[in-house]
Amino acid sequence: MVYEENPAEASVSLTPEKKSEQNIATLVYALQAISFLIGISFIVAVVVNYVKIDDVRNTWLESHFQWQIRTFWFGLLWFVLGVLTYMLVIGYFILFANAVWVIYRIVKGWLRLNDNKAMYIQN
């Protein structure tokens, strides 16, 4: 995958259209964070990701959209496993670990987005 901007550690300057797309990524991180209070916002966030991902193809912002989408799907997977094993003691640990992991991904992604940095380099 080739990015228009430097995707690794260097910060990039934003054109007005990229600033708008960055605002969408910020909105998605906010919706993911709000999901701890209002669960449906997690679903709204991933829908926004899928609707807008074509607008950020081959840019450093695509890595954020993919990061957010993976956060949703893996978070959902571990949430379901935690609920299914809730009656067993292990379910509590799965749900707690999942919450910590989702918070970590939201914070890490949001901070890198704020610094105009990609999440990772894709090949």
C-alpha atoms as a PDB file:
ATOM      1  CA  MET A   1       0.000   0.000   0.000  1.00  0.00           C
ATOM      2  CA  VAL A   2       1.343   3.427  -0.932  1.00  0.00           C
ATOM      3  CA  TYR A   3       0.407   6.521   1.012  1.00  0.00           C
ATOM      4  CA  GLU A   4       0.239  10.051  -0.374  1.00  0.00           C
ATOM      5  CA  GLU A   5       1.920  11.328   2.766  1.00  0.00           C
ATOM      6  CA  ASN A   6       4.701   9.881   4.905  1.00  0.00           C
ATOM      7  CA  PRO A   7       2.855   7.284   7.031  1.00  0.00           C
ATOM      8  CA  ALA A   8       5.432   6.394   9.625  1.00  0.00           C
ATOM      9  CA  GLU A   9       6.673   8.742  12.315  1.00  0.00           C
ATOM     10  CA  ALA A  10       6.811  12.041  10.484  1.00  0.00           C
ATOM     11  CA  SER A  11       3.946  14.421  10.974  1.00  0.00           C
ATOM     12  CA  VAL A  12       2.204  15.599   7.803  1.00  0.00           C
ATOM     13  CA  SER A  13       0.552  18.842   6.783  1.00  0.00           C
ATOM     14  CA  LEU A  14      -3.137  18.711   6.020  1.00  0.00           C
ATOM     15  CA  THR A  15      -5.048  20.064   3.045  1.00  0.00           C
ATOM     16  CA  PRO A  16      -8.605  21.268   3.761  1.00  0.00           C
ATOM     17  CA  GLU A  17     -10.071  18.024   2.404  1.00  0.00           C
ATOM     18  CA  LYS A  18      -7.697  15.917   4.533  1.00  0.00           C
ATOM     19  CA  LYS A  19      -8.615  18.038   7.563  1.00  0.00           C
ATOM     20  CA  SER A  20     -12.260  17.128   6.937  1.00  0.00           C
ATOM     21  CA  GLU A  21     -11.346  13.439   6.728  1.00  0.00           C
ATOM     22  CA  GLN A  22      -9.269  13.783   9.890  1.00  0.00           C
ATOM     23  CA  ASN A  23     -12.343  15.257  11.584  1.00  0.00           C
ATOM     24  CA  ILE A  24     -14.306  12.136  10.575  1.00  0.00           C
ATOM     25  CA  ALA A  25     -11.643   9.927  12.179  1.00  0.00           C
ATOM     26  CA  THR A  26     -11.797  12.099  15.309  1.00  0.00           C
ATOM     27  CA  LEU A  27     -15.588  11.697  15.365  1.00  0.00           C
ATOM     28  CA  VAL A  28     -15.213   7.919  15.143  1.00  0.00           C
ATOM     29  CA  TYR A  29     -12.748   7.839  18.065  1.00  0.00           C
ATOM     30  CA  ALA A  30     -15.207   9.973  20.060  1.00  0.00           C
ATOM     31  CA  LEU A  31     -18.093   7.642  19.204  1.00  0.00           C
ATOM     32  CA  GLN A  32     -15.997   4.655  20.252  1.00  0.00           C
ATOM     33  CA  ALA A  33     -15.194   6.329  23.565  1.00  0.00           C
ATOM     34  CA  ILE A  34     -18.855   7.250  24.156  1.00  0.00           C
ATOM     35  CA  SER A  35     -19.781   3.619  23.562  1.00  0.00           C
ATOM     36  CA  PHE A  36     -18.822   2.846  27.153  1.00  0.00           C
ATOM     37  CA  LEU A  37     -21.884   4.902  28.128  1.00  0.00           C
ATOM     38  CA  ILE A  38     -24.084   4.458  25.054  1.00  0.00           C
ATOM     39  CA  GLY A  39     -23.305   1.119  23.415  1.00  0.00           C
ATOM     40  CA  ILE A  40     -25.011   1.832  20.084  1.00  0.00           C
ATOM     41  CA  SER A  41     -22.424   4.524  19.301  1.00  0.00           C
ATOM     42  CA  PHE A  42     -19.848   1.760  18.709  1.00  0.00           C
ATOM     43  CA  ILE A  43     -22.012   0.479  15.850  1.00  0.00           C
ATOM     44  CA  VAL A  44     -22.543   4.007  14.508  1.00  0.00           C
ATOM     45  CA  ALA A  45     -18.753   4.504  14.551  1.00  0.00           C
ATOM     46  CA  VAL A  46     -18.023   1.416  12.443  1.00  0.00           C
ATOM     47  CA  VAL A  47     -20.787   2.323   9.987  1.00  0.00           C
ATOM     48  CA  VAL A  48     -19.168   5.758   9.526  1.00  0.00           C
ATOM     49  CA  ASN A  49     -15.822   4.001   8.960  1.00  0.00           C
ATOM     50  CA  TYR A  50     -17.197   1.767   6.237  1.00  0.00           C
ATOM     51  CA  VAL A  51     -19.087   4.617   4.540  1.00  0.00           C
ATOM     52  CA  LYS A  52     -16.078   6.976   4.457  1.00  0.00           C
ATOM     53  CA  ILE A  53     -13.136   4.589   3.968  1.00  0.00           C
ATOM     54  CA  ASP A  54     -13.032   5.080   0.195  1.00  0.00           C
ATOM     55  CA  ASP A  55     -12.388   8.800   0.776  1.00  0.00           C
ATOM     56  CA  VAL A  56      -9.136   8.023   2.608  1.00  0.00           C
ATOM     57  CA  ARG A  57      -7.772   5.189   0.459  1.00  0.00           C
ATOM     58  CA  ASN A  58      -4.008   5.405  -0.064  1.00  0.00           C
ATOM     59  CA  THR A  59      -3.546   8.117   2.548  1.00  0.00           C
ATOM     60  CA  TRP A  60      -2.127   7.982   6.046  1.00  0.00           C
ATOM     61  CA  LEU A  61      -5.684   8.360   7.378  1.00  0.00           C
ATOM     62  CA  GLU A  62      -6.610   4.950   5.976  1.00  0.00           C
ATOM     63  CA  SER A  63      -4.533   3.330   8.710  1.00  0.00           C
ATOM     64  CA  HIS A  64      -6.701   5.039  11.330  1.00  0.00           C
ATOM     65  CA  PHE A  65      -9.900   3.846   9.684  1.00  0.00           C
ATOM     66  CA  GLN A  66      -8.579   0.283   9.558  1.00  0.00           C
ATOM     67  CA  TRP A  67      -7.411   0.571  13.197  1.00  0.00           C
ATOM     68  CA  GLN A  68     -10.908   1.700  14.196  1.00  0.00           C
ATOM     69  CA  ILE A  69     -12.623  -1.052  12.220  1.00  0.00           C
ATOM     70  CA  ARG A  70     -10.375  -3.715  13.754  1.00  0.00           C
ATOM     71  CA  THR A  71     -10.999  -2.263  17.200  1.00  0.00           C
ATOM     72  CA  PHE A  72     -14.731  -2.711  16.614  1.00  0.00           C
ATOM     73  CA  TRP A  73     -14.624  -6.270  15.298  1.00  0.00           C
ATOM     74  CA  PHE A  74     -12.098  -7.658  17.789  1.00  0.00           C
ATOM     75  CA  GLY A  75     -13.766  -5.747  20.628  1.00  0.00           C
ATOM     76  CA  LEU A  76     -17.114  -7.237  19.627  1.00  0.00           C
ATOM     77  CA  LEU A  77     -15.616 -10.733  19.398  1.00  0.00           C
ATOM     78  CA  TRP A  78     -14.108 -10.561  22.890  1.00  0.00           C
ATOM     79  CA  PHE A  79     -17.275  -8.937  24.284  1.00  0.00           C
ATOM     80  CA  VAL A  80     -19.401 -11.815  22.978  1.00  0.00           C
ATOM     81  CA  LEU A  81     -16.938 -14.378  24.381  1.00  0.00           C
ATOM     82  CA  GLY A  82     -16.986 -12.557  27.713  1.00  0.00           C
ATOM     83  CA  VAL A  83     -20.784 -12.539  27.824  1.00  0.00           C
ATOM     84  CA  LEU A  84     -20.965 -16.220  26.885  1.00  0.00           C
ATOM     85  CA  THR A  85     -18.575 -17.102  29.713  1.00  0.00           C
ATOM     86  CA  TYR A  86     -20.015 -14.566  32.164  1.00  0.00           C
ATOM     87  CA  MET A  87     -21.519 -17.250  34.356  1.00  0.00           C
ATOM     88  CA  LEU A  88     -18.059 -18.725  34.649  1.00  0.00           C
ATOM     89  CA  VAL A  89     -15.455 -16.671  36.456  1.00  0.00           C
ATOM     90  CA  ILE A  90     -13.377 -16.254  33.296  1.00  0.00           C
ATOM     91  CA  GLY A  91     -16.049 -14.073  31.679  1.00  0.00           C
ATOM     92  CA  TYR A  92     -15.358 -11.238  34.104  1.00  0.00           C
ATOM     93  CA  PHE A  93     -11.671 -11.295  33.199  1.00  0.00           C
ATOM     94  CA  ILE A  94     -12.394 -11.393  29.473  1.00  0.00           C
ATOM     95  CA  LEU A  95     -14.770  -8.438  29.706  1.00  0.00           C
ATOM     96  CA  PHE A  96     -12.335  -6.433  31.830  1.00  0.00           C
ATOM     97  CA  ALA A  97      -9.378  -7.185  29.550  1.00  0.00           C
ATOM     98  CA  ASN A  98     -11.470  -6.298  26.509  1.00  0.00           C
ATOM     99  CA  ALA A  99     -12.466  -2.942  28.016  1.00  0.00           C
ATOM    100  CA  VAL A 100      -8.835  -2.104  28.797  1.00  0.00           C
ATOM    101  CA  TRP A 101      -7.761  -3.140  25.290  1.00  0.00           C
ATOM    102  CA  VAL A 102     -10.477  -1.046  23.605  1.00  0.00           C
ATOM    103  CA  ILE A 103      -9.596   1.992  25.749  1.00  0.00           C
ATOM    104  CA  TYR A 104      -5.919   1.544  24.861  1.00  0.00           C
ATOM    105  CA  ARG A 105      -6.710   1.425  21.134  1.00  0.00           C
ATOM    106  CA  ILE A 106      -8.934   4.494  21.303  1.00  0.00           C
ATOM    107  CA  VAL A 107      -6.349   6.512  23.244  1.00  0.00           C
ATOM    108  CA  LYS A 108      -3.382   5.412  21.131  1.00  0.00           C
ATOM    109  CA  GLY A 109      -5.199   6.046  17.870  1.00  0.00           C
ATOM    110  CA  TRP A 110      -6.616   9.398  18.930  1.00  0.00           C
ATOM    111  CA  LEU A 111      -3.215  10.638  20.120  1.00  0.00           C
ATOM    112  CA  ARG A 112      -1.500   9.621  16.873  1.00  0.00           C
ATOM    113  CA  LEU A 113      -4.314  11.186  14.849  1.00  0.00           C
ATOM    114  CA  ASN A 114      -3.918  14.398  16.829  1.00  0.00           C
ATOM    115  CA  ASP A 115      -0.193  14.363  15.913  1.00  0.00           C
ATOM    116  CA  ASN A 116      -1.077  13.765  12.219  1.00  0.00           C
ATOM    117  CA  LYS A 117       0.630  10.364  12.247  1.00  0.00           C
ATOM    118  CA  ALA A 118      -0.451   7.078  10.730  1.00  0.00           C
ATOM    119  CA  MET A 119      -1.096   4.093  12.990  1.00  0.00           C
ATOM    120  CA  TYR A 120       1.347   1.771  11.269  1.00  0.00           C
ATOM    121  CA  ILE A 121       3.018   1.146   7.932  1.00  0.00           C
ATOM    122  CA  GLN A 122       1.169  -1.192   5.596  1.00  0.00           C
ATOM    123  CA  ASN A 123       2.835  -3.207   2.878  1.00  0.00           C
END
